[in-house]
PDB file of N, CA and C in Angstrom:
ATOM      1  N   UNK A   1    -142.663-121.893  44.691  1.00  0.00           N
ATOM      2  CA  UNK A   1    -141.424-122.437  45.331  1.00  0.00           C
ATOM      3  C   UNK A   1    -140.722-122.450  45.733  1.00  0.00           C
ATOM      4  N   UNK A   2    -139.925-123.203  47.176  1.00  0.00           N
ATOM      5  CA  UNK A   2    -138.858-123.103  47.251  1.00  0.00           C
ATOM      6  C   UNK A   2    -137.953-123.566  46.531  1.00  0.00           C
ATOM      7  N   UNK A   3    -136.078-122.602  46.501  1.00  0.00           N
ATOM      8  CA  UNK A   3    -135.576-122.984  45.810  1.00  0.00           C
ATOM      9  C   UNK A   3    -134.386-123.961  45.968  1.00  0.00           C
ATOM     10  N   UNK A   4    -134.768-124.595  47.518  1.00  0.00           N
ATOM     11  CA  UNK A   4    -133.813-125.879  47.430  1.00  0.00           C
ATOM     12  C   UNK A   4    -134.490-127.438  47.229  1.00  0.00           C
ATOM     13  N   UNK A   5    -135.984-127.263  46.578  1.00  0.00           N
ATOM     14  CA  UNK A   5    -137.043-128.007  46.037  1.00  0.00           C
ATOM     15  C   UNK A   5    -135.532-128.887  44.312  1.00  0.00           C
ATOM     16  N   UNK A   6    -135.624-129.703  44.456  1.00  0.00           N
ATOM     17  CA  UNK A   6    -135.456-130.358  43.556  1.00  0.00           C
ATOM     18  C   UNK A   6    -136.038-129.972  42.163  1.00  0.00           C
ATOM     19  N   UNK A   7    -135.004-130.613  40.887  1.00  0.00           N
ATOM     20  CA  UNK A   7    -136.153-130.289  39.932  1.00  0.00           C
ATOM     21  C   UNK A   7    -136.558-131.506  39.532  1.00  0.00           C
ATOM     22  N   UNK A   8    -136.584-132.373  39.837  1.00  0.00           N
ATOM     23  CA  UNK A   8    -136.905-133.757  40.566  1.00  0.00           C
ATOM     24  C   UNK A   8    -138.575-133.876  40.882  1.00  0.00           C
ATOM     25  N   UNK A   9    -138.328-133.098  41.944  1.00  0.00           N
ATOM     26  CA  UNK A   9    -139.646-132.947  43.257  1.00  0.00           C
ATOM     27  C   UNK A   9    -140.548-132.494  41.857  1.00  0.00           C
ATOM     28  N   UNK A  10    -140.393-130.996  41.573  1.00  0.00           N
ATOM     29  CA  UNK A  10    -141.131-129.991  40.979  1.00  0.00           C
ATOM     30  C   UNK A  10    -141.560-131.282  40.100  1.00  0.00           C
ATOM     31  N   UNK A  11    -141.333-131.935  39.095  1.00  0.00           N
ATOM     32  CA  UNK A  11    -141.413-132.442  38.217  1.00  0.00           C
ATOM     33  C   UNK A  11    -142.770-133.571  39.319  1.00  0.00           C
ATOM     34  N   UNK A  12    -142.290-133.793  40.147  1.00  0.00           N
ATOM     35  CA  UNK A  12    -143.311-135.019  40.937  1.00  0.00           C
ATOM     36  C   UNK A  12    -144.577-134.412  40.367  1.00  0.00           C
ATOM     37  N   UNK A  13    -144.624-133.348  41.670  1.00  0.00           N
ATOM     38  CA  UNK A  13    -145.094-132.264  41.905  1.00  0.00           C
ATOM     39  C   UNK A  13    -146.855-131.808  41.405  1.00  0.00           C
ATOM     40  N   UNK A  14    -145.559-131.861  39.911  1.00  0.00           N
ATOM     41  CA  UNK A  14    -146.571-131.162  39.158  1.00  0.00           C
ATOM     42  C   UNK A  14    -147.362-132.284  39.043  1.00  0.00           C
ATOM     43  N   UNK A  15    -147.272-133.232  38.155  1.00  0.00           N
ATOM     44  CA  UNK A  15    -147.565-134.519  38.127  1.00  0.00           C
ATOM     45  C   UNK A  15    -149.108-134.666  39.083  1.00  0.00           C
ATOM     46  N   UNK A  16    -148.554-134.755  39.816  1.00  0.00           N
ATOM     47  CA  UNK A  16    -149.634-135.149  41.198  1.00  0.00           C
ATOM     48  C   UNK A  16    -150.360-133.998  40.474  1.00  0.00           C
ATOM     49  N   UNK A  17    -150.283-132.861  40.399  1.00  0.00           N
ATOM     50  CA  UNK A  17    -151.230-131.313  40.249  1.00  0.00           C
ATOM     51  C   UNK A  17    -151.965-132.171  39.293  1.00  0.00           C
ATOM     52  N   UNK A  18    -151.235-132.456  38.470  1.00  0.00           N
ATOM     53  CA  UNK A  18    -152.071-132.351  37.091  1.00  0.00           C
ATOM     54  C   UNK A  18    -153.803-133.741  37.389  1.00  0.00           C
ATOM     55  N   UNK A  19    -152.753-135.050  37.711  1.00  0.00           N
ATOM     56  CA  UNK A  19    -153.712-136.012  38.290  1.00  0.00           C
ATOM     57  C   UNK A  19    -155.225-135.394  38.808  1.00  0.00           C
ATOM     58  N   UNK A  20    -154.393-134.853  40.263  1.00  0.00           N
ATOM     59  CA  UNK A  20    -155.707-134.241  41.368  1.00  0.00           C
ATOM     60  C   UNK A  20    -156.762-133.510  40.392  1.00  0.00           C
ATOM     61  N   UNK A  21    -156.241-132.068  38.719  1.00  0.00           N
ATOM     62  CA  UNK A  21    -157.265-131.592  37.731  1.00  0.00           C
ATOM     63  C   UNK A  21    -157.954-133.171  37.798  1.00  0.00           C
ATOM     64  N   UNK A  22    -158.062-133.866  37.446  1.00  0.00           N
ATOM     65  CA  UNK A  22    -158.773-135.118  36.484  1.00  0.00           C
ATOM     66  C   UNK A  22    -159.775-135.356  37.528  1.00  0.00           C
ATOM     67  N   UNK A  23    -159.510-135.278  38.422  1.00  0.00           N
ATOM     68  CA  UNK A  23    -160.984-136.029  39.072  1.00  0.00           C
ATOM     69  C   UNK A  23    -161.204-136.738  39.709  1.00  0.00           C
ATOM     70  N   UNK A  24    -160.753-138.381  38.526  1.00  0.00           N
ATOM     71  CA  UNK A  24    -161.321-139.479  38.284  1.00  0.00           C
ATOM     72  C   UNK A  24    -160.509-140.423  39.244  1.00  0.00           C
ATOM     73  N   UNK A  25    -161.036-141.418  39.910  1.00  0.00           N
ATOM     74  CA  UNK A  25    -160.669-142.397  41.102  1.00  0.00           C
ATOM     75  C   UNK A  25    -158.898-142.557  40.819  1.00  0.00           C
ATOM     76  N   UNK A  26    -158.717-142.762  39.159  1.00  0.00           N
ATOM     77  CA  UNK A  26    -157.667-144.163  38.799  1.00  0.00           C
ATOM     78  C   UNK A  26    -156.287-142.806  38.588  1.00  0.00           C
ATOM     79  N   UNK A  27    -156.842-141.188  38.635  1.00  0.00           N
ATOM     80  CA  UNK A  27    -155.998-139.961  39.091  1.00  0.00           C
ATOM     81  C   UNK A  27    -155.565-139.800  40.658  1.00  0.00           C
ATOM     82  N   UNK A  28    -156.642-139.594  40.901  1.00  0.00           N
ATOM     83  CA  UNK A  28    -156.488-140.050  42.148  1.00  0.00           C
ATOM     84  C   UNK A  28    -155.771-141.300  43.080  1.00  0.00           C
ATOM     85  N   UNK A  29    -155.207-142.488  42.463  1.00  0.00           N
ATOM     86  CA  UNK A  29    -155.325-142.931  42.758  1.00  0.00           C
ATOM     87  C   UNK A  29    -153.752-143.194  42.861  1.00  0.00           C
ATOM     88  N   UNK A  30    -153.091-142.671  41.354  1.00  0.00           N
ATOM     89  CA  UNK A  30    -152.179-142.117  40.881  1.00  0.00           C
ATOM     90  C   UNK A  30    -151.294-141.547  41.662  1.00  0.00           C
ATOM     91  N   UNK A  31    -151.791-140.102  42.306  1.00  0.00           N
ATOM     92  CA  UNK A  31    -151.298-139.652  42.652  1.00  0.00           C
ATOM     93  C   UNK A  31    -150.857-139.524  44.269  1.00  0.00           C
ATOM     94  N   UNK A  32    -152.201-140.267  44.668  1.00  0.00           N
ATOM     95  CA  UNK A  32    -151.399-140.559  46.225  1.00  0.00           C
ATOM     96  C   UNK A  32    -150.440-141.765  46.136  1.00  0.00           C
ATOM     97  N   UNK A  33    -150.345-142.593  45.442  1.00  0.00           N
ATOM     98  CA  UNK A  33    -149.338-143.093  44.757  1.00  0.00           C
ATOM     99  C   UNK A  33    -147.410-142.540  44.662  1.00  0.00           C
ATOM    100  N   UNK A  34    -147.721-141.420  43.922  1.00  0.00           N
ATOM    101  CA  UNK A  34    -146.718-140.805  44.081  1.00  0.00           C
ATOM    102  C   UNK A  34    -146.346-139.981  45.601  1.00  0.00           C
ATOM    103  N   UNK A  35    -147.230-139.536  45.739  1.00  0.00           N
ATOM    104  CA  UNK A  35    -147.359-138.541  47.208  1.00  0.00           C
ATOM    105  C   UNK A  35    -146.190-139.423  47.671  1.00  0.00           C
ATOM    106  N   UNK A  36    -146.981-140.920  47.812  1.00  0.00           N
ATOM    107  CA  UNK A  36    -146.483-141.522  49.699  1.00  0.00           C
ATOM    108  C   UNK A  36    -144.211-141.390  48.874  1.00  0.00           C
ATOM    109  N   UNK A  37    -144.637-141.413  47.989  1.00  0.00           N
ATOM    110  CA  UNK A  37    -143.180-141.659  47.234  1.00  0.00           C
ATOM    111  C   UNK A  37    -141.964-140.904  47.810  1.00  0.00           C
ATOM    112  N   UNK A  38    -142.549-139.509  47.266  1.00  0.00           N
ATOM    113  CA  UNK A  38    -142.563-138.637  47.548  1.00  0.00           C
ATOM    114  C   UNK A  38    -141.908-137.896  49.180  1.00  0.00           C
ATOM    115  N   UNK A  39    -142.772-138.418  50.268  1.00  0.00           N
ATOM    116  CA  UNK A  39    -143.193-139.239  51.578  1.00  0.00           C
ATOM    117  C   UNK A  39    -141.572-139.054  52.016  1.00  0.00           C
ATOM    118  N   UNK A  40    -140.973-140.203  51.294  1.00  0.00           N
ATOM    119  CA  UNK A  40    -140.120-140.371  52.210  1.00  0.00           C
ATOM    120  C   UNK A  40    -138.794-139.525  51.630  1.00  0.00           C
ATOM    121  N   UNK A  41    -139.137-138.731  50.651  1.00  0.00           N
ATOM    122  CA  UNK A  41    -137.478-137.303  51.123  1.00  0.00           C
ATOM    123  C   UNK A  41    -138.071-136.337  52.025  1.00  0.00           C
ATOM    124  N   UNK A  42    -139.528-136.412  53.016  1.00  0.00           N
ATOM    125  CA  UNK A  42    -139.729-135.214  53.771  1.00  0.00           C
ATOM    126  C   UNK A  42    -139.192-135.722  55.277  1.00  0.00           C
ATOM    127  N   UNK A  43    -140.327-136.841  55.292  1.00  0.00           N
ATOM    128  CA  UNK A  43    -139.270-137.349  56.520  1.00  0.00           C
ATOM    129  C   UNK A  43    -138.629-138.570  56.616  1.00  0.00           C
ATOM    130  N   UNK A  44    -137.604-137.703  57.386  1.00  0.00           N
ATOM    131  CA  UNK A  44    -136.118-138.568  57.684  1.00  0.00           C
ATOM    132  C   UNK A  44    -136.377-140.324  58.415  1.00  0.00           C
ATOM    133  N   UNK A  45    -135.631-141.285  57.996  1.00  0.00           N
ATOM    134  CA  UNK A  45    -135.962-142.697  58.845  1.00  0.00           C
ATOM    135  C   UNK A  45    -135.641-142.300  59.504  1.00  0.00           C
ATOM    136  N   UNK A  46    -136.666-143.311  59.977  1.00  0.00           N
ATOM    137  CA  UNK A  46    -136.689-143.066  61.664  1.00  0.00           C
ATOM    138  C   UNK A  46    -134.734-143.799  62.164  1.00  0.00           C
ATOM    139  N   UNK A  47    -134.021-144.807  61.363  1.00  0.00           N
ATOM    140  CA  UNK A  47    -133.356-145.036  61.641  1.00  0.00           C
ATOM    141  C   UNK A  47    -131.884-144.109  61.322  1.00  0.00           C
ATOM    142  N   UNK A  48    -132.206-143.232  60.369  1.00  0.00           N
ATOM    143  CA  UNK A  48    -131.476-141.741  60.479  1.00  0.00           C
ATOM    144  C   UNK A  48    -130.895-140.937  61.354  1.00  0.00           C
ATOM    145  N   UNK A  49    -132.120-141.040  62.191  1.00  0.00           N
ATOM    146  CA  UNK A  49    -131.958-140.125  63.293  1.00  0.00           C
ATOM    147  C   UNK A  49    -131.760-140.442  64.731  1.00  0.00           C
ATOM    148  N   UNK A  50    -132.290-141.838  64.879  1.00  0.00           N
ATOM    149  CA  UNK A  50    -132.328-142.354  66.331  1.00  0.00           C
ATOM    150  C   UNK A  50    -130.918-142.750  66.028  1.00  0.00           C
ATOM    151  N   UNK A  51    -129.966-142.253  67.532  1.00  0.00           N
ATOM    152  CA  UNK A  51    -128.839-143.319  67.795  1.00  0.00           C
ATOM    153  C   UNK A  51    -129.101-143.737  68.246  1.00  0.00           C
ATOM    154  N   UNK A  52    -127.627-144.974  68.990  1.00  0.00           N
ATOM    155  CA  UNK A  52    -127.392-145.907  69.924  1.00  0.00           C
ATOM    156  C   UNK A  52    -126.714-145.596  70.762  1.00  0.00           C
ATOM    157  N   UNK A  53    -127.410-145.391  72.017  1.00  0.00           N
ATOM    158  CA  UNK A  53    -126.238-144.908  73.014  1.00  0.00           C
ATOM    159  C   UNK A  53    -126.340-145.602  74.413  1.00  0.00           C
ATOM    160  N   UNK A  54    -125.730-146.048  75.103  1.00  0.00           N
ATOM    161  CA  UNK A  54    -125.421-146.103  76.036  1.00  0.00           C
ATOM    162  C   UNK A  54    -125.057-145.803  76.750  1.00  0.00           C
ATOM    163  N   UNK A  55    -125.554-146.306  78.449  1.00  0.00           N
ATOM    164  CA  UNK A  55    -125.515-145.638  79.990  1.00  0.00           C
ATOM    165  C   UNK A  55    -125.749-146.154  80.687  1.00  0.00           C
ATOM    166  N   UNK A  56    -123.956-145.942  81.431  1.00  0.00           N
ATOM    167  CA  UNK A  56    -123.865-146.303  82.237  1.00  0.00           C
ATOM    168  C   UNK A  56    -123.792-145.441  83.971  1.00  0.00           C
ATOM    169  N   UNK A  57    -124.946-146.346  84.605  1.00  0.00           N
ATOM    170  CA  UNK A  57    -125.147-145.068  85.815  1.00  0.00           C
ATOM    171  C   UNK A  57    -124.621-146.217  87.284  1.00  0.00           C
ATOM    172  N   UNK A  58    -123.917-145.680  87.335  1.00  0.00           N
ATOM    173  CA  UNK A  58    -123.499-145.972  88.564  1.00  0.00           C
ATOM    174  C   UNK A  58    -124.459-145.637  89.932  1.00  0.00           C
ATOM    175  N   UNK A  59    -124.219-146.125  91.276  1.00  0.00           N
ATOM    176  CA  UNK A  59    -125.475-146.142  92.141  1.00  0.00           C
ATOM    177  C   UNK A  59    -124.169-146.010  92.756  1.00  0.00           C
ATOM    178  N   UNK A  60    -124.428-144.991  94.725  1.00  0.00           N
ATOM    179  CA  UNK A  60    -123.130-144.600  95.713  1.00  0.00           C
ATOM    180  C   UNK A  60    -124.132-145.088  96.999  1.00  0.00           C
ATOM    181  N   UNK A  61    -124.586-145.704  97.518  1.00  0.00           N
ATOM    182  CA  UNK A  61    -125.217-146.289  98.360  1.00  0.00           C
ATOM    183  C   UNK A  61    -124.780-145.970  99.876  1.00  0.00           C
ATOM    184  N   UNK A  62    -124.743-145.173 100.842  1.00  0.00           N
ATOM    185  CA  UNK A  62    -124.152-145.497 102.296  1.00  0.00           C
ATOM    186  C   UNK A  62    -124.650-146.197 102.908  1.00  0.00           C
ATOM    187  N   UNK A  63    -124.623-147.569 103.392  1.00  0.00           N
ATOM    188  CA  UNK A  63    -125.245-148.611 103.870  1.00  0.00           C
ATOM    189  C   UNK A  63    -125.483-148.698 105.637  1.00  0.00           C
ATOM    190  N   UNK A  64    -126.140-148.430 106.099  1.00  0.00           N
ATOM    191  CA  UNK A  64    -125.646-148.934 108.175  1.00  0.00           C
ATOM    192  C   UNK A  64    -125.025-149.655 108.033  1.00  0.00           C
ATOM    193  N   UNK A  65    -123.956-150.166 108.885  1.00  0.00           N
ATOM    194  CA  UNK A  65    -123.305-151.320 109.851  1.00  0.00           C
ATOM    195  C   UNK A  65    -124.445-151.963 110.296  1.00  0.00           C
ATOM    196  N   UNK A  66    -124.023-153.069 110.100  1.00  0.00           N
ATOM    197  CA  UNK A  66    -124.861-153.713 111.134  1.00  0.00           C
ATOM    198  C   UNK A  66    -124.791-153.858 112.793  1.00  0.00           C
ATOM    199  N   UNK A  67    -125.426-153.780 113.857  1.00  0.00           N
ATOM    200  CA  UNK A  67    -126.224-154.367 114.390  1.00  0.00           C
ATOM    201  C   UNK A  67    -126.915-155.346 115.571  1.00  0.00           C
ATOM    202  N   UNK A  68    -126.052-155.794 115.586  1.00  0.00           N
ATOM    203  CA  UNK A  68    -125.693-156.990 116.518  1.00  0.00           C
ATOM    204  C   UNK A  68    -127.178-157.182 117.338  1.00  0.00           C
ATOM    205  N   UNK A  69    -126.794-156.137 118.443  1.00  0.00           N
ATOM    206  CA  UNK A  69    -127.205-156.381 119.818  1.00  0.00           C
ATOM    207  C   UNK A  69    -128.285-155.295 119.948  1.00  0.00           C
ATOM    208  N   UNK A  70    -130.258-155.635 120.682  1.00  0.00           N
ATOM    209  CA  UNK A  70    -130.839-154.868 120.149  1.00  0.00           C
ATOM    210  C   UNK A  70    -130.256-153.360 121.039  1.00  0.00           C
ATOM    211  N   UNK A  71    -130.165-154.077 122.447  1.00  0.00           N
ATOM    212  CA  UNK A  71    -129.291-152.563 123.355  1.00  0.00           C
ATOM    213  C   UNK A  71    -128.941-150.945 122.078  1.00  0.00           C
ATOM    214  N   UNK A  72    -127.665-151.699 121.507  1.00  0.00           N
ATOM    215  CA  UNK A  72    -127.450-150.559 120.521  1.00  0.00           C
ATOM    216  C   UNK A  72    -127.933-150.550 120.079  1.00  0.00           C
ATOM    217  N   UNK A  73    -128.647-150.601 119.403  1.00  0.00           N
ATOM    218  CA  UNK A  73    -129.712-150.025 117.718  1.00  0.00           C
ATOM    219  C   UNK A  73    -130.828-149.103 119.038  1.00  0.00           C
ATOM    220  N   UNK A  74    -131.630-149.337 120.106  1.00  0.00           N
ATOM    221  CA  UNK A  74    -131.891-148.949 120.271  1.00  0.00           C
ATOM    222  C   UNK A  74    -131.212-147.365 120.954  1.00  0.00           C
ATOM    223  N   UNK A  75    -129.949-147.665 120.932  1.00  0.00           N
ATOM    224  CA  UNK A  75    -129.438-145.893 121.835  1.00  0.00           C
ATOM    225  C   UNK A  75    -128.607-145.664 120.608  1.00  0.00           C
ATOM    226  N   UNK A  76    -128.171-145.911 119.686  1.00  0.00           N
ATOM    227  CA  UNK A  76    -128.402-145.163 118.263  1.00  0.00           C
ATOM    228  C   UNK A  76    -129.473-144.721 117.775  1.00  0.00           C
ATOM    229  N   UNK A  77    -131.081-145.153 118.132  1.00  0.00           N
ATOM    230  CA  UNK A  77    -131.960-144.640 117.329  1.00  0.00           C
ATOM    231  C   UNK A  77    -133.071-143.915 118.280  1.00  0.00           C
ATOM    232  N   UNK A  78    -132.285-144.002 119.208  1.00  0.00           N
ATOM    233  CA  UNK A  78    -133.408-142.881 120.452  1.00  0.00           C
ATOM    234  C   UNK A  78    -132.979-141.842 120.171  1.00  0.00           C
ATOM    235  N   UNK A  79    -132.497-141.299 120.259  1.00  0.00           N
ATOM    236  CA  UNK A  79    -132.135-139.839 119.115  1.00  0.00           C
ATOM    237  C   UNK A  79    -133.112-139.378 118.427  1.00  0.00           C
ATOM    238  N   UNK A  80    -132.941-140.600 117.433  1.00  0.00           N
ATOM    239  CA  UNK A  80    -133.732-139.952 115.906  1.00  0.00           C
ATOM    240  C   UNK A  80    -135.211-139.490 116.262  1.00  0.00           C
ATOM    241  N   UNK A  81    -136.042-140.372 117.560  1.00  0.00           N
ATOM    242  CA  UNK A  81    -137.341-141.087 117.638  1.00  0.00           C
ATOM    243  C   UNK A  81    -138.006-139.903 118.741  1.00  0.00           C
ATOM    244  N   UNK A  82    -136.795-139.489 119.345  1.00  0.00           N
ATOM    245  CA  UNK A  82    -137.431-137.909 120.406  1.00  0.00           C
ATOM    246  C   UNK A  82    -137.196-137.000 119.603  1.00  0.00           C
ATOM    247  N   UNK A  83    -137.372-136.831 118.357  1.00  0.00           N
ATOM    248  CA  UNK A  83    -136.964-135.193 117.617  1.00  0.00           C
ATOM    249  C   UNK A  83    -138.151-135.235 117.317  1.00  0.00           C
ATOM    250  N   UNK A  84    -138.777-135.666 117.113  1.00  0.00           N
ATOM    251  CA  UNK A  84    -140.541-135.767 116.448  1.00  0.00           C
ATOM    252  C   UNK A  84    -141.290-134.657 117.586  1.00  0.00           C
TER     253      UNK A  84
END
């Protein structure tokens, strides 16, 4: 076994192995219950690993100046249309 496993955990794992060797349904049920209790120590709780963060994103948009006259619009956009 790993050295970092606590004495209590090894005791519970030993009990689970004993219960599984018996093979009857009541022992298997008890082993499953103990296994579920050990699971809390193997898997970190979601709240322990989830960090709440707030990210603020600022967007900058360059908007064209308003064109009030259609002739002015045609003059400004004609070079764009000619590039095709």
